[in-house]
Amino acid sequence: MVKKKKILMYLLLGLGGILLFQYNSIEKLKKGYKFEKDKIIEDKTLVIIDVIKHIREEALTKAEKHRGEIKESILAKYEDDKDGLEKELEKVKKHPYNSPIIDSVAESIEGESLNGIRGNARDNNDLVVWLSKFIIGDFSFNCAIDTDSEEREPRDFSKELDVHYSYNLAEQAYQDIIRLGKTYTMWHYLYIDDELPWAEDIRRSDDTSLVFIKNLLLEYEADLGILKGIEFLSVARIDNTRDILGEDIVTPNGNYNINNNHIHVAQGFNLIDQLSLNKYKNFMLRLQIKNERLDNLENVYIMEKMTKELQLGITIILFIMIFLYIEHKKENDKEE
């Protein structure tokens, strides 16, 4: 009887060791899964960032094309009449309609979008033109201002920030374009469901760099839905340091000329809209391969985890049964 008890005790200890091994095996499986999943998400994120960089270069080329057209058209109309141009620019800032300058902008950008995007999506892939802080070219329907023809006022972009889903991103984009002279920026105009896990991150952020986008993608499993409402902007200017009249934007003693006549031409694009085009099918294929790897990894992980948890469960049951049997035998021995 004593020998039998010893055998049961050894068996119990052995099962305890197996339990520990099986538990550690499950934890190792979880860590391995997380490591592989994070690696695929990082690879997928890099593909997305790569395509954003590629398309924004395309957008910049298009912005530069329209910049050239607008500059050539305006200067041709005024030739050597700098005073006349200056007066017309001031008029546009106060009442930006029925002007040769507005005509030059409209002739260049009307009906244009990056890669010919049409329909409602065109608004997120078209051009916007600023004269200093005033919007003088924008054919988007989704942000058009309701005004009476007799009461039209200049569109001071700084006063339109509230209509953006992310006020902070719009304000920073405004600074990037008008004050900081950045080539690339972005905003989030379109409204999205506040229940989305990344909604608050977008609403609060004022980071218009790709670092912010990369961090969001890494945090939320490179979900393309993050970019659904974001419009990337590539900006070309008549001149990077002088306005169309040849005046310095920043004076030699470091003062910003708030009355400048700097013209900024921004080509916008939404990544989701652009990826729907056949020309980007190779990028979509790369993303699809990453998604398939994620799905396969998750399926294998679930099956292995279920198997190991079943084995652990069986071992726990055996451990409990033997433990209870030993305790029962102890009670019987005391009664005898």
Protein backbone atom coordinates (compact mmCIF):
# COMPACT_ATOMS: atom_id res chain seq x y z
CA MET A 1 0.00 0.00 0.00
CA VAL A 2 2.84 2.37 0.89
CA LYS A 3 4.55 1.58 -2.39
CA LYS A 4 1.33 2.35 -4.28
CA LYS A 5 1.05 5.72 -2.53
CA LYS A 6 4.62 6.59 -3.47
CA ILE A 7 3.91 5.73 -7.09
CA LEU A 8 0.83 7.96 -7.03
CA MET A 9 2.84 10.78 -5.45
CA TYR A 10 5.52 10.47 -8.11
CA LEU A 11 2.81 10.43 -10.76
CA LEU A 12 1.29 13.56 -9.21
CA LEU A 13 4.67 15.30 -9.23
CA GLY A 14 5.20 14.21 -12.81
CA LEU A 15 1.83 15.61 -13.84
CA GLY A 16 2.72 18.84 -12.03
CA GLY A 17 5.86 19.08 -14.13
CA ILE A 18 3.86 18.39 -17.29
CA LEU A 19 1.37 21.09 -16.29
CA LEU A 20 4.17 23.61 -15.90
CA PHE A 21 5.68 22.57 -19.23
CA GLN A 22 2.33 22.83 -21.02
CA TYR A 23 1.59 26.24 -19.49
CA ASN A 24 5.03 27.55 -20.55
CA SER A 25 4.45 26.07 -24.00
CA ILE A 26 1.20 28.04 -24.39
CA GLU A 27 2.90 31.25 -23.21
CA LYS A 28 5.74 30.65 -25.66
CA LEU A 29 3.19 30.11 -28.43
CA LYS A 30 1.47 33.42 -27.55
CA LYS A 31 4.78 35.32 -27.58
CA GLY A 32 5.79 33.73 -30.88
CA TYR A 33 2.44 34.61 -32.43
CA LYS A 34 2.67 38.22 -31.24
CA PHE A 35 6.22 38.51 -32.58
CA GLU A 36 5.28 37.17 -36.02
CA LYS A 37 2.06 39.21 -36.13
CA ASP A 38 3.88 42.44 -35.21
CA LYS A 39 6.47 41.73 -37.89
CA ILE A 40 3.81 41.28 -40.61
CA ILE A 41 1.97 44.42 -39.44
CA GLU A 42 5.24 46.35 -39.59
CA ASP A 43 5.88 45.04 -43.12
CA LYS A 44 2.33 45.99 -44.15
CA THR A 45 2.77 49.44 -42.62
CA LEU A 46 5.97 50.00 -44.59
CA VAL A 47 4.15 49.05 -47.82
CA ILE A 48 1.41 51.62 -47.04
CA ILE A 49 3.94 54.34 -46.20
CA ASP A 50 5.82 53.48 -49.39
CA VAL A 51 2.71 53.93 -51.55
CA ILE A 52 1.82 57.23 -49.81
CA LYS A 53 5.31 58.55 -50.60
CA HIS A 54 5.00 57.35 -54.20
CA ILE A 55 1.59 58.99 -54.77
CA ARG A 56 2.49 62.25 -53.06
CA GLU A 57 5.42 62.61 -55.49
CA GLU A 58 2.92 62.18 -58.31
CA ALA A 59 0.71 64.77 -56.65
CA LEU A 60 3.62 67.20 -56.34
CA THR A 61 4.41 66.83 -60.04
CA LYS A 62 0.79 67.69 -60.85
CA ALA A 63 0.78 70.64 -58.42
CA GLU A 64 3.94 71.96 -60.06
CA LYS A 65 2.33 71.65 -63.50
CA HIS A 66 -0.67 73.74 -62.44
CA ARG A 67 1.59 76.16 -60.57
CA GLY A 68 3.39 76.80 -63.84
CA GLU A 69 0.15 77.26 -65.77
CA ILE A 70 -1.28 79.70 -63.23
CA LYS A 71 1.91 81.73 -62.97
CA GLU A 72 2.31 81.95 -66.75
CA SER A 73 -1.32 82.92 -67.25
CA ILE A 74 -1.34 85.66 -64.57
CA LEU A 75 1.97 87.20 -65.63
CA ALA A 76 0.92 87.13 -69.29
CA LYS A 77 -2.19 89.14 -68.46
CA TYR A 78 -0.25 91.81 -66.60
CA GLU A 79 3.12 91.57 -68.36
CA ASP A 80 5.14 94.50 -66.98
CA ASP A 81 2.20 96.10 -65.17
CA LYS A 82 3.30 95.29 -61.61
CA ASP A 83 1.15 98.04 -60.12
CA GLY A 84 -1.92 96.72 -61.92
CA LEU A 85 -1.21 93.19 -60.71
CA GLU A 86 -0.71 94.39 -57.15
CA LYS A 87 -4.05 96.25 -57.19
CA GLU A 88 -5.84 93.22 -58.61
CA LEU A 89 -4.32 90.93 -55.96
CA GLU A 90 -5.57 93.23 -53.21
CA LYS A 91 -9.00 93.29 -54.86
CA VAL A 92 -9.07 89.47 -54.92
CA LYS A 93 -8.37 89.34 -51.18
CA LYS A 94 -11.42 91.50 -50.52
CA HIS A 95 -13.83 90.28 -53.18
CA PRO A 96 -12.42 87.26 -55.03
CA TYR A 97 -14.82 87.16 -57.98
CA ASN A 98 -14.86 88.43 -61.57
CA SER A 99 -11.08 88.75 -61.61
CA PRO A 100 -8.53 87.84 -64.29
CA ILE A 101 -6.50 86.21 -61.51
CA ILE A 102 -9.40 83.98 -60.45
CA ASP A 103 -9.99 83.16 -64.13
CA SER A 104 -6.36 82.04 -64.49
CA VAL A 105 -6.71 79.73 -61.49
CA ALA A 106 -10.07 78.33 -62.59
CA GLU A 107 -8.90 77.67 -66.16
CA SER A 108 -6.06 75.58 -64.80
CA ILE A 109 -7.73 73.51 -62.06
CA GLU A 110 -11.43 73.16 -62.96
CA GLY A 111 -12.38 69.51 -63.46
CA GLU A 112 -8.91 68.31 -62.50
CA SER A 113 -8.16 65.53 -60.04
CA LEU A 114 -5.21 63.26 -59.37
CA ASN A 115 -5.29 60.30 -61.77
CA GLY A 116 -8.73 61.29 -63.01
CA ILE A 117 -10.73 60.36 -59.90
CA ARG A 118 -14.39 61.17 -60.56
CA GLY A 119 -17.68 61.35 -58.69
CA ASN A 120 -17.94 62.28 -55.02
CA ALA A 121 -14.40 61.04 -54.42
CA ARG A 122 -13.00 63.78 -56.67
CA ASP A 123 -13.38 66.32 -53.84
CA ASN A 124 -10.66 64.51 -51.89
CA ASN A 125 -8.34 64.26 -54.89
CA ASP A 126 -8.56 67.71 -56.47
CA LEU A 127 -6.57 70.95 -56.26
CA VAL A 128 -6.81 73.87 -53.86
CA VAL A 129 -5.13 77.23 -54.51
CA TRP A 130 -4.34 79.87 -51.89
CA LEU A 131 -3.38 83.52 -52.24
CA SER A 132 -1.68 84.03 -48.90
CA LYS A 133 -4.28 82.78 -46.39
CA PHE A 134 -7.22 83.12 -48.80
CA ILE A 135 -8.55 80.23 -50.88
CA ILE A 136 -8.92 81.46 -54.46
CA GLY A 137 -9.31 78.11 -56.21
CA ASP A 138 -11.38 75.14 -54.99
CA PHE A 139 -14.07 73.24 -56.89
CA SER A 140 -14.88 70.79 -54.07
CA PHE A 141 -18.58 70.36 -53.35
CA ASN A 142 -18.14 68.87 -49.88
CA CYS A 143 -16.61 72.04 -48.42
CA ALA A 144 -18.34 74.68 -50.55
CA ILE A 145 -19.61 77.70 -48.58
CA ASP A 146 -23.26 78.72 -48.82
CA THR A 147 -23.33 82.43 -49.68
CA ASP A 148 -25.55 84.86 -51.49
CA SER A 149 -24.00 86.13 -54.73
CA GLU A 150 -24.18 89.68 -53.40
CA GLU A 151 -22.62 88.85 -50.04
CA ARG A 152 -19.68 86.72 -51.00
CA GLU A 153 -16.62 87.17 -48.86
CA PRO A 154 -13.04 85.97 -49.29
CA ARG A 155 -12.46 82.44 -48.00
CA ASP A 156 -10.06 82.92 -45.13
CA PHE A 157 -9.00 79.34 -44.47
CA SER A 158 -8.19 80.05 -40.84
CA LYS A 159 -11.92 80.64 -40.30
CA GLU A 160 -12.91 77.27 -41.81
CA LEU A 161 -10.99 75.04 -39.40
CA ASP A 162 -14.08 74.21 -37.33
CA VAL A 163 -15.69 72.32 -40.20
CA HIS A 164 -12.87 69.77 -40.28
CA TYR A 165 -13.22 66.54 -38.31
CA SER A 166 -9.80 67.20 -36.81
CA TYR A 167 -9.45 70.90 -36.02
CA ASN A 168 -5.86 70.35 -34.84
CA LEU A 169 -4.70 68.67 -38.05
CA ALA A 170 -6.38 71.35 -40.18
CA GLU A 171 -4.79 74.15 -38.17
CA GLN A 172 -1.35 72.56 -38.48
CA ALA A 173 -1.85 71.96 -42.21
CA TYR A 174 -2.76 75.65 -42.54
CA GLN A 175 0.50 76.60 -40.79
CA ASP A 176 2.45 74.08 -42.90
CA ILE A 177 1.15 75.59 -46.14
CA ILE A 178 0.87 79.30 -45.41
CA ARG A 179 3.60 79.97 -42.84
CA LEU A 180 6.09 77.10 -42.82
CA GLY A 181 6.42 76.51 -46.56
CA LYS A 182 6.22 72.72 -46.26
CA THR A 183 5.90 70.62 -49.38
CA TYR A 184 3.87 67.84 -47.78
CA THR A 185 1.12 67.98 -45.20
CA MET A 186 -2.36 66.51 -44.57
CA TRP A 187 -5.70 67.12 -42.91
CA HIS A 188 -8.74 65.09 -41.94
CA TYR A 189 -11.80 66.88 -43.31
CA LEU A 190 -14.31 64.04 -43.62
CA TYR A 191 -16.19 62.98 -40.51
CA ILE A 192 -15.88 59.39 -39.29
CA ASP A 193 -17.57 57.26 -36.64
CA ASP A 194 -16.38 58.44 -33.22
CA GLU A 195 -16.57 54.82 -32.03
CA LEU A 196 -13.69 53.77 -34.26
CA PRO A 197 -10.67 52.92 -32.08
CA TRP A 198 -8.42 55.46 -33.82
CA ALA A 199 -10.99 58.29 -34.01
CA GLU A 200 -9.81 60.09 -30.87
CA ASP A 201 -6.15 59.81 -31.90
CA ILE A 202 -6.95 61.56 -35.18
CA ARG A 203 -9.18 64.18 -33.61
CA ARG A 204 -6.58 65.22 -31.03
CA SER A 205 -3.41 65.05 -33.11
CA ASP A 206 -1.67 68.03 -34.69
CA ASP A 207 1.08 65.90 -36.25
CA THR A 208 0.84 66.15 -40.05
CA SER A 209 3.93 64.01 -40.68
CA LEU A 210 4.05 60.43 -41.93
CA VAL A 211 5.49 59.45 -38.54
CA PHE A 212 2.02 59.98 -37.06
CA ILE A 213 0.43 57.84 -39.79
CA LYS A 214 3.05 55.12 -39.31
CA ASN A 215 2.47 55.00 -35.55
CA LEU A 216 -1.30 54.80 -36.05
CA LEU A 217 -0.92 51.93 -38.50
CA LEU A 218 1.39 50.04 -36.16
CA GLU A 219 -0.99 50.52 -33.23
CA TYR A 220 -4.14 49.45 -35.09
CA GLU A 221 -2.85 46.51 -37.12
CA ALA A 222 -2.25 48.55 -40.31
CA ASP A 223 -5.99 48.91 -40.91
CA LEU A 224 -6.51 50.95 -44.09
CA GLY A 225 -9.71 52.32 -42.56
CA ILE A 226 -7.48 54.70 -40.60
CA LEU A 227 -6.82 56.60 -43.84
CA LYS A 228 -10.41 56.76 -45.06
CA GLY A 229 -10.89 60.43 -44.13
CA ILE A 230 -7.34 61.71 -44.52
CA GLU A 231 -6.38 63.90 -47.46
CA PHE A 232 -2.68 64.18 -48.17
CA LEU A 233 -1.52 67.45 -49.74
CA SER A 234 1.48 68.11 -51.97
CA VAL A 235 2.16 71.85 -52.27
CA ALA A 236 3.94 73.81 -55.00
CA ARG A 237 4.48 77.58 -54.86
CA ILE A 238 5.07 80.27 -57.45
CA ASP A 239 8.39 80.78 -55.67
CA ASN A 240 9.54 79.32 -52.37
CA THR A 241 10.91 82.57 -50.96
CA ARG A 242 9.12 85.33 -52.90
CA ASP A 243 5.52 86.06 -53.84
CA ILE A 244 4.23 86.61 -57.36
CA LEU A 245 5.26 90.29 -57.15
CA GLY A 246 8.82 89.30 -56.29
CA GLU A 247 8.54 90.47 -52.67
CA ASP A 248 10.29 88.49 -49.92
CA ILE A 249 8.02 86.27 -47.81
CA VAL A 250 10.45 86.58 -44.92
CA THR A 251 12.37 89.86 -44.81
CA PRO A 252 16.18 89.94 -44.43
CA ASN A 253 15.81 90.85 -40.75
CA GLY A 254 13.58 87.82 -40.11
CA ASN A 255 10.07 89.31 -40.19
CA TYR A 256 7.22 87.40 -41.83
CA ASN A 257 5.46 89.56 -44.42
CA ILE A 258 1.81 89.08 -43.41
CA ASN A 259 0.64 91.08 -46.46
CA ASN A 260 2.42 88.81 -48.94
CA ASN A 261 0.92 87.65 -52.21
CA HIS A 262 2.30 84.13 -52.09
CA ILE A 263 0.36 81.66 -54.25
CA HIS A 264 0.25 78.03 -53.05
CA VAL A 265 -1.05 75.23 -55.27
CA ALA A 266 -1.95 72.04 -53.36
CA GLN A 267 -2.80 68.75 -55.02
CA GLY A 268 -4.73 66.58 -52.60
CA PHE A 269 -5.35 62.85 -52.62
CA ASN A 270 -7.03 60.20 -50.53
CA LEU A 271 -5.10 56.93 -50.43
CA ILE A 272 -8.18 54.69 -50.41
CA ASP A 273 -9.53 56.39 -53.52
CA GLN A 274 -6.19 56.14 -55.30
CA LEU A 275 -5.71 52.46 -54.43
CA SER A 276 -9.04 51.69 -56.13
CA LEU A 277 -7.35 52.49 -59.46
CA ASN A 278 -5.91 49.74 -61.62
CA LYS A 279 -2.53 51.50 -61.82
CA TYR A 280 -1.88 50.66 -58.16
CA LYS A 281 -2.84 47.00 -58.36
CA ASN A 282 0.74 45.93 -57.55
CA PHE A 283 0.60 47.80 -54.25
CA MET A 284 -2.78 46.25 -53.49
CA LEU A 285 -1.35 42.82 -54.31
CA ARG A 286 1.47 43.39 -51.82
CA LEU A 287 -1.06 44.37 -49.17
CA GLN A 288 -3.21 41.36 -50.01
CA ILE A 289 -0.22 39.04 -49.52
CA LYS A 290 0.41 40.58 -46.09
CA ASN A 291 -3.27 40.16 -45.16
CA GLU A 292 -3.20 36.50 -46.23
CA ARG A 293 -0.10 35.93 -44.12
CA LEU A 294 -1.88 37.48 -41.13
CA ASP A 295 -4.95 35.28 -41.69
CA ASN A 296 -2.85 32.13 -42.05
CA LEU A 297 -0.80 32.99 -38.97
CA GLU A 298 -3.95 33.54 -36.92
CA ASN A 299 -5.55 30.27 -38.12
CA VAL A 300 -2.46 28.22 -37.26
CA TYR A 301 -2.17 29.98 -33.90
CA ILE A 302 -5.81 29.29 -33.00
CA MET A 303 -5.49 25.59 -33.87
CA GLU A 304 -2.22 25.14 -31.98
CA LYS A 305 -3.52 27.08 -28.99
CA MET A 306 -6.73 25.01 -28.86
CA THR A 307 -4.70 21.77 -29.02
CA LYS A 308 -2.32 22.83 -26.27
CA GLU A 309 -5.16 24.12 -24.08
CA LEU A 310 -7.00 20.80 -24.53
CA GLN A 311 -3.87 18.91 -23.51
CA LEU A 312 -3.48 21.22 -20.53
CA GLY A 313 -7.11 20.67 -19.57
CA ILE A 314 -6.75 16.88 -19.69
CA THR A 315 -3.58 17.05 -17.58
CA ILE A 316 -5.31 19.27 -15.02
CA ILE A 317 -8.22 16.80 -14.76
CA LEU A 318 -5.82 13.89 -14.26
CA PHE A 319 -3.89 15.89 -11.67
CA ILE A 320 -7.06 16.70 -9.73
CA MET A 321 -8.33 13.10 -9.91
CA ILE A 322 -5.08 11.65 -8.59
CA PHE A 323 -4.84 14.34 -5.92
CA LEU A 324 -8.38 13.62 -4.73
CA TYR A 325 -7.72 9.87 -4.81
CA ILE A 326 -4.62 10.29 -2.62
CA GLU A 327 -6.53 12.52 -0.19
CA HIS A 328 -9.33 9.97 -0.08
CA LYS A 329 -6.89 7.16 0.69
CA LYS A 330 -5.38 9.24 3.50
CA GLU A 331 -8.81 9.64 5.09
CA ASN A 332 -9.51 5.92 4.82
CA ASP A 333 -6.15 5.05 6.38
CA LYS A 334 -6.87 7.34 9.36
CA GLU A 335 -10.25 5.66 9.92
CA GLU A 336 -8.61 2.21 9.90
